[in-house]
Protein backbone atom coordinates (compact mmCIF):
# COMPACT_ATOMS: atom_id res chain seq x y z
CA MET A 1 -10.19 -5.32 -18.31
CA PRO A 2 -12.93 -6.88 -20.46
CA ARG A 3 -15.73 -5.34 -18.43
CA ASN A 4 -16.84 -2.09 -16.89
CA ASN A 5 -14.82 -1.26 -13.78
CA LYS A 6 -17.32 0.09 -11.28
CA LYS A 7 -15.02 -0.39 -8.30
CA LYS A 8 -13.44 2.61 -6.63
CA ILE A 9 -9.69 2.93 -7.04
CA ASN A 10 -8.23 3.42 -3.56
CA PHE A 11 -4.93 5.20 -2.94
CA VAL A 12 -2.90 4.34 0.17
CA ALA A 13 -0.12 6.72 1.18
CA GLU A 14 2.51 4.86 3.17
CA ILE A 15 4.30 7.00 5.74
CA GLY A 16 6.19 3.89 6.83
CA CYS A 17 9.41 5.05 8.48
CA ASN A 18 9.64 8.35 6.62
CA HIS A 19 8.53 10.13 9.81
CA GLN A 20 12.04 9.36 11.15
CA GLY A 21 10.62 8.42 14.54
CA ASN A 22 9.26 11.95 15.02
CA PHE A 23 5.62 11.84 16.13
CA LYS A 24 4.97 15.50 15.30
CA LEU A 25 6.42 14.98 11.83
CA ALA A 26 4.06 12.02 11.31
CA LEU A 27 1.07 14.21 12.20
CA LYS A 28 2.34 16.93 9.85
CA MET A 29 2.56 14.35 7.05
CA ILE A 30 -1.00 13.20 7.77
CA ASP A 31 -2.22 16.82 7.67
CA GLU A 32 -0.55 17.28 4.29
CA LEU A 33 -2.12 14.09 2.95
CA LYS A 34 -5.56 15.21 4.06
CA ASN A 35 -5.54 18.93 3.31
CA PHE A 36 -3.35 19.15 0.20
CA CYS A 37 -3.44 15.68 -1.36
CA ASN A 38 -7.09 14.74 -0.56
CA ILE A 39 -6.03 11.20 0.39
CA ASP A 40 -8.23 8.96 2.54
CA PHE A 41 -5.87 6.10 3.50
CA VAL A 42 -2.56 6.38 5.35
CA LYS A 43 -0.34 3.51 6.46
CA LEU A 44 2.44 3.12 9.00
CA GLN A 45 4.62 0.22 10.19
CA LYS A 46 5.00 -1.64 13.49
CA ARG A 47 7.95 -3.86 14.39
CA ASN A 48 9.22 -5.64 17.47
CA ASN A 49 12.86 -5.44 16.50
CA LYS A 50 14.19 -7.89 19.08
CA GLU A 51 11.71 -10.44 17.79
CA LEU A 52 12.59 -9.75 14.16
CA LEU A 53 16.36 -9.54 14.46
CA ASN A 54 18.80 -12.02 15.91
CA LYS A 55 21.43 -10.70 18.34
CA ASP A 56 24.16 -10.39 15.72
CA LYS A 57 21.93 -8.49 13.29
CA TYR A 58 20.58 -6.25 16.04
CA ASN A 59 24.10 -5.28 17.14
CA SER A 60 25.63 -4.95 13.67
CA PRO A 61 26.12 -1.62 11.88
CA HIS A 62 23.50 -0.31 9.48
CA PRO A 63 24.40 -1.50 5.93
CA VAL A 64 24.12 2.11 4.70
CA PRO A 65 25.61 4.21 7.53
CA LYS A 66 24.47 7.57 6.10
CA ASN A 67 20.83 6.44 6.55
CA SER A 68 21.27 5.18 10.12
CA PHE A 69 19.60 6.76 13.15
CA GLY A 70 21.62 4.70 15.64
CA LYS A 71 25.03 3.19 16.31
CA THR A 72 23.73 -0.30 15.43
CA TYR A 73 21.03 -1.55 13.09
CA GLY A 74 18.91 -2.46 16.12
CA GLU A 75 19.25 1.04 17.60
CA HIS A 76 18.40 2.48 14.19
CA ARG A 77 15.21 0.46 13.94
CA GLU A 78 14.18 1.28 17.53
CA LYS A 79 14.54 5.00 16.80
CA LEU A 80 11.99 4.67 13.99
CA GLU A 81 9.36 2.88 16.09
CA PHE A 82 6.21 4.37 17.56
CA THR A 83 4.70 2.95 20.73
CA PHE A 84 1.32 1.28 21.02
CA LYS A 85 -0.07 4.50 22.52
CA GLN A 86 1.32 6.58 19.67
CA HIS A 87 -0.27 4.26 17.08
CA ASN A 88 -3.56 4.61 18.95
CA LYS A 89 -3.23 8.42 18.91
CA ILE A 90 -2.52 8.39 15.17
CA MET A 91 -5.57 6.24 14.50
CA LYS A 92 -7.79 8.59 16.51
CA TYR A 93 -6.23 11.64 14.85
CA CYS A 94 -7.00 10.21 11.42
CA GLU A 95 -10.56 9.42 12.46
CA LYS A 96 -11.06 13.08 13.38
CA LEU A 97 -9.85 14.01 9.89
CA LYS A 98 -12.20 11.40 8.39
CA MET A 99 -9.22 9.39 7.19
CA THR A 100 -8.45 5.71 7.67
CA SER A 101 -5.08 4.69 9.08
CA PHE A 102 -3.68 1.20 9.20
CA THR A 103 -0.41 -0.53 9.83
CA SER A 104 2.00 -3.02 8.31
CA VAL A 105 2.80 -5.56 11.02
CA TRP A 106 6.22 -7.19 10.75
CA ASP A 107 5.95 -9.83 13.48
CA LEU A 108 3.47 -11.66 15.67
CA SER A 109 3.87 -9.38 18.70
CA SER A 110 3.22 -6.29 16.59
CA ALA A 111 0.19 -7.93 15.00
CA LYS A 112 -1.29 -8.74 18.41
CA GLU A 113 -0.78 -5.14 19.54
CA ILE A 114 -2.26 -3.53 16.44
CA VAL A 115 -5.27 -5.86 16.31
CA LYS A 116 -6.19 -4.66 19.81
CA LEU A 117 -6.80 -1.21 18.28
CA LYS A 118 -9.51 -2.73 16.05
CA PRO A 119 -8.39 -1.09 12.79
CA LYS A 120 -10.46 -1.50 9.63
CA HIS A 121 -7.40 -2.74 7.73
CA VAL A 122 -4.09 -4.41 8.47
CA LYS A 123 -1.11 -5.07 6.17
CA VAL A 124 1.40 -7.92 5.93
CA PRO A 125 4.50 -6.61 4.11
CA SER A 126 6.37 -8.57 1.47
CA ALA A 127 9.21 -9.31 3.89
CA CYS A 128 6.88 -11.17 6.26
CA ASN A 129 4.32 -12.90 4.03
CA ASN A 130 6.04 -16.24 4.63
CA ASN A 131 5.79 -15.88 8.42
CA TRP A 132 3.10 -18.53 8.65
CA GLU A 133 2.42 -18.04 12.36
CA LEU A 134 1.85 -14.33 11.72
CA LEU A 135 -0.53 -15.09 8.83
CA LYS A 136 -2.41 -17.74 10.81
CA PHE A 137 -2.99 -15.30 13.66
CA ILE A 138 -4.26 -12.56 11.36
CA PHE A 139 -6.46 -14.88 9.31
CA LYS A 140 -7.94 -16.43 12.45
CA LYS A 141 -8.22 -13.51 14.87
CA TYR A 142 -8.66 -10.45 12.67
CA LYS A 143 -11.98 -9.98 10.88
CA CYS A 144 -11.50 -6.94 8.60
CA LEU A 145 -9.51 -6.33 5.38
CA ILE A 146 -6.07 -7.96 5.19
CA HIS A 147 -3.61 -6.44 2.70
CA ILE A 148 -0.68 -8.64 1.60
CA SER A 149 2.20 -7.60 -0.65
CA LEU A 150 3.90 -10.18 -2.87
CA GLY A 151 7.36 -8.71 -3.38
CA MET A 152 10.25 -11.20 -3.08
CA THR A 153 7.70 -14.03 -3.15
CA THR A 154 7.85 -17.33 -5.05
CA LYS A 155 4.80 -18.78 -6.78
CA LEU A 156 4.85 -21.65 -4.27
CA GLU A 157 4.78 -19.18 -1.36
CA GLU A 158 2.00 -17.24 -3.11
CA LYS A 159 -0.11 -20.40 -3.39
CA LYS A 160 0.53 -21.25 0.26
CA ILE A 161 -0.65 -17.77 1.34
CA ILE A 162 -3.92 -18.22 -0.55
CA SER A 163 -4.37 -21.79 0.68
CA LEU A 164 -3.89 -20.65 4.27
CA ALA A 165 -6.34 -17.77 3.81
CA LYS A 166 -8.93 -20.19 2.41
CA ARG A 167 -8.38 -22.62 5.28
CA TYR A 168 -9.39 -19.90 7.75
CA LYS A 169 -12.12 -18.58 5.42
CA ALA A 170 -10.32 -15.25 5.24
CA ASN A 171 -9.63 -15.14 1.49
CA LYS A 172 -12.57 -12.85 0.72
CA ARG A 173 -11.01 -10.29 3.07
CA VAL A 174 -7.60 -10.37 1.38
CA VAL A 175 -6.20 -7.67 -0.94
CA LEU A 176 -3.19 -9.05 -2.86
CA TYR A 177 -0.60 -6.56 -4.11
CA ALA A 178 1.67 -7.05 -7.09
CA CYS A 179 4.99 -5.64 -5.93
CA THR A 180 8.71 -5.49 -6.63
CA SER A 181 10.83 -4.97 -3.52
CA ASP A 182 13.53 -2.53 -4.54
CA TYR A 183 13.98 1.12 -3.55
CA PRO A 184 13.63 2.70 -6.04
CA VAL A 185 12.51 0.12 -8.63
CA GLN A 186 13.83 0.59 -12.16
CA PRO A 187 11.15 0.63 -14.91
CA ASP A 188 12.10 -2.77 -16.35
CA SER A 189 11.57 -4.38 -12.93
CA ILE A 190 8.10 -2.98 -12.18
CA CYS A 191 6.48 -5.87 -14.12
CA LEU A 192 2.94 -4.49 -14.22
CA LEU A 193 1.53 -7.48 -16.08
CA GLU A 194 1.81 -9.45 -12.84
CA ILE A 195 -1.41 -7.63 -11.98
CA THR A 196 -3.22 -9.40 -14.81
CA ASN A 197 -1.76 -12.72 -13.64
CA LEU A 198 -3.08 -12.15 -10.13
CA ILE A 199 -6.51 -11.15 -11.43
CA LYS A 200 -6.64 -14.28 -13.60
CA LYS A 201 -5.54 -16.61 -10.80
CA TYR A 202 -7.15 -15.04 -7.74
CA GLY A 203 -9.62 -12.38 -8.88
CA ASN A 204 -12.59 -14.52 -7.86
CA ILE A 205 -10.92 -15.89 -4.74
CA VAL A 206 -9.76 -12.76 -2.90
CA LYS A 207 -11.38 -9.41 -2.15
CA ALA A 208 -9.26 -7.35 -4.56
CA ILE A 209 -5.97 -7.01 -6.37
CA GLY A 210 -3.67 -4.07 -5.70
CA PHE A 211 -0.32 -2.62 -6.72
CA SER A 212 2.41 -1.48 -4.33
CA GLY A 213 5.00 0.62 -6.13
CA HIS A 214 8.46 1.89 -5.18
CA HIS A 215 9.33 3.55 -8.48
CA HIS A 216 9.81 7.12 -9.70
CA GLY A 217 6.88 9.03 -11.19
CA ILE A 218 3.19 8.13 -11.30
CA SER A 219 2.61 6.70 -14.79
CA ALA A 220 3.04 3.09 -13.62
CA ASP A 221 0.37 3.58 -10.96
CA ILE A 222 -2.14 4.82 -13.52
CA ALA A 223 -1.31 1.85 -15.74
CA ALA A 224 -1.71 -0.51 -12.77
CA ALA A 225 -5.19 0.82 -12.09
CA THR A 226 -6.05 0.55 -15.79
CA LEU A 227 -5.01 -3.11 -15.68
CA GLY A 228 -7.44 -3.73 -12.83
CA ALA A 229 -5.69 -2.94 -9.54
CA THR A 230 -8.19 -1.26 -7.22
CA TRP A 231 -5.73 -0.51 -4.41
CA ILE A 232 -2.65 1.59 -5.25
CA GLU A 233 -0.01 2.04 -2.55
CA ARG A 234 2.93 4.46 -2.64
CA HIS A 235 5.40 5.66 -0.02
CA PHE A 236 4.98 9.31 0.96
CA THR A 237 7.51 11.89 2.15
CA LEU A 238 7.62 15.63 2.59
CA ASP A 239 11.09 15.73 1.00
CA ARG A 240 12.80 12.98 -1.03
CA THR A 241 16.22 14.28 0.04
CA MET A 242 15.60 13.57 3.73
CA LYS A 243 17.72 11.02 5.58
CA GLY A 244 16.41 7.47 5.31
CA THR A 245 16.14 4.50 2.97
CA ASP A 246 12.62 4.97 1.60
CA HIS A 247 12.53 8.68 0.72
CA ALA A 248 14.06 8.24 -2.74
CA ALA A 249 11.26 5.85 -3.72
CA SER A 250 8.49 8.03 -2.26
CA LEU A 251 6.13 10.66 -3.60
CA GLU A 252 6.31 14.23 -2.33
CA PRO A 253 3.04 16.11 -1.67
CA ASP A 254 2.48 17.38 -5.21
CA GLY A 255 3.15 13.95 -6.71
CA ALA A 256 0.75 12.30 -4.27
CA ARG A 257 -1.87 14.98 -4.96
CA ARG A 258 -1.61 14.52 -8.71
CA LEU A 259 -1.74 10.75 -8.47
CA LYS A 260 -4.86 10.83 -6.28
CA ARG A 261 -6.50 13.28 -8.69
CA ASP A 262 -5.64 11.15 -11.73
CA LEU A 263 -6.82 7.91 -10.10
CA ASP A 264 -10.15 9.53 -9.25
CA LEU A 265 -10.52 10.69 -12.85
CA LEU A 266 -9.43 7.31 -14.19
CA SER A 267 -12.10 5.49 -12.19
CA GLN A 268 -14.71 7.46 -14.15
CA THR A 269 -13.25 6.51 -17.53
CA LEU A 270 -12.91 2.72 -17.24
CA LYS A 271 -16.14 1.65 -18.89
CA PHE A 272 -17.66 0.80 -22.25
CA LYS A 273 -20.03 3.14 -24.04
CA PRO A 274 -23.56 2.46 -22.72
CA ASN A 275 -25.05 3.50 -26.07
CA GLU A 276 -23.80 3.62 -29.67
CA ILE A 277 -24.09 7.40 -29.64
CA LEU A 278 -23.57 9.10 -26.29
CA THR A 279 -25.75 12.02 -25.27
CA CYS A 280 -22.74 14.33 -25.39
CA GLU A 281 -22.08 13.20 -29.00
CA LYS A 282 -25.54 13.89 -30.42
CA LEU A 283 -25.10 17.61 -31.05
CA GLN A 284 -21.62 17.00 -32.49
CA ARG A 285 -23.03 14.32 -34.76
CA GLN A 286 -25.60 16.77 -36.11
CA LYS A 287 -22.87 19.35 -36.75
CA LEU A 288 -19.99 17.20 -37.99
CA LYS A 289 -21.06 13.78 -39.22
CA PHE A 290 -20.85 13.11 -42.94
CA ARG A 291 -24.35 12.69 -44.33
CA SER A 292 -24.46 9.72 -46.67
């Protein structure tokens, strides 16, 4: 970044479906994020599975049976869903903890439900960013920050997303995430320099540029923030060996804690020297500098 970065680097911990459809487990994960990891943003998912899936897909087996929570893929997905009331309870629970919760909406019905809760943020996942009716509804009816991931997205689709946001004068409320949709992503597919492309193309058009990662470790997230991403999103789990698709690409509590700590420290370092000799250097200069 060729300038001082005075923007806060925000870390979003995605619970997603890692709660396994267990409401108490979701609350336990939120407690861990607040009390151990010091994280302010937590994200879940909301799907209307009968709207998303055709009959054949709904009634077909899960493609990875060992990760399934039902006899069919539809039953599996229903087991992982929270109700509208449960999402409302989670939002209020997070507010009591002085955290912000928001939700990835996978279809129009889910978006309409979640918007009724008046969250401060909403997310459109990579899988649904070409659902133009969904985007139109959010751009038109929702007035707070709109996060959009760009995994599995062509440049033409990317341009259409931005054009649609501009049409509804919502572009200044959009956070665009560089993203690779694989679980976990191998290092050579993370493609961090896409962040610089997004900043160059849309940095002055949207609210912010982010990075949504599904890789192992935390070094790529630090690099993403160094490149200019001000929103970093990672999946979160209490145990990567738990049953489910996303756990292997998630951070456990200590990893999330360390990443949040390092992002907070990084935000203090991304600047030029305000003076040729810093105040902290003056004494050292007197002691150590060669005197010509």
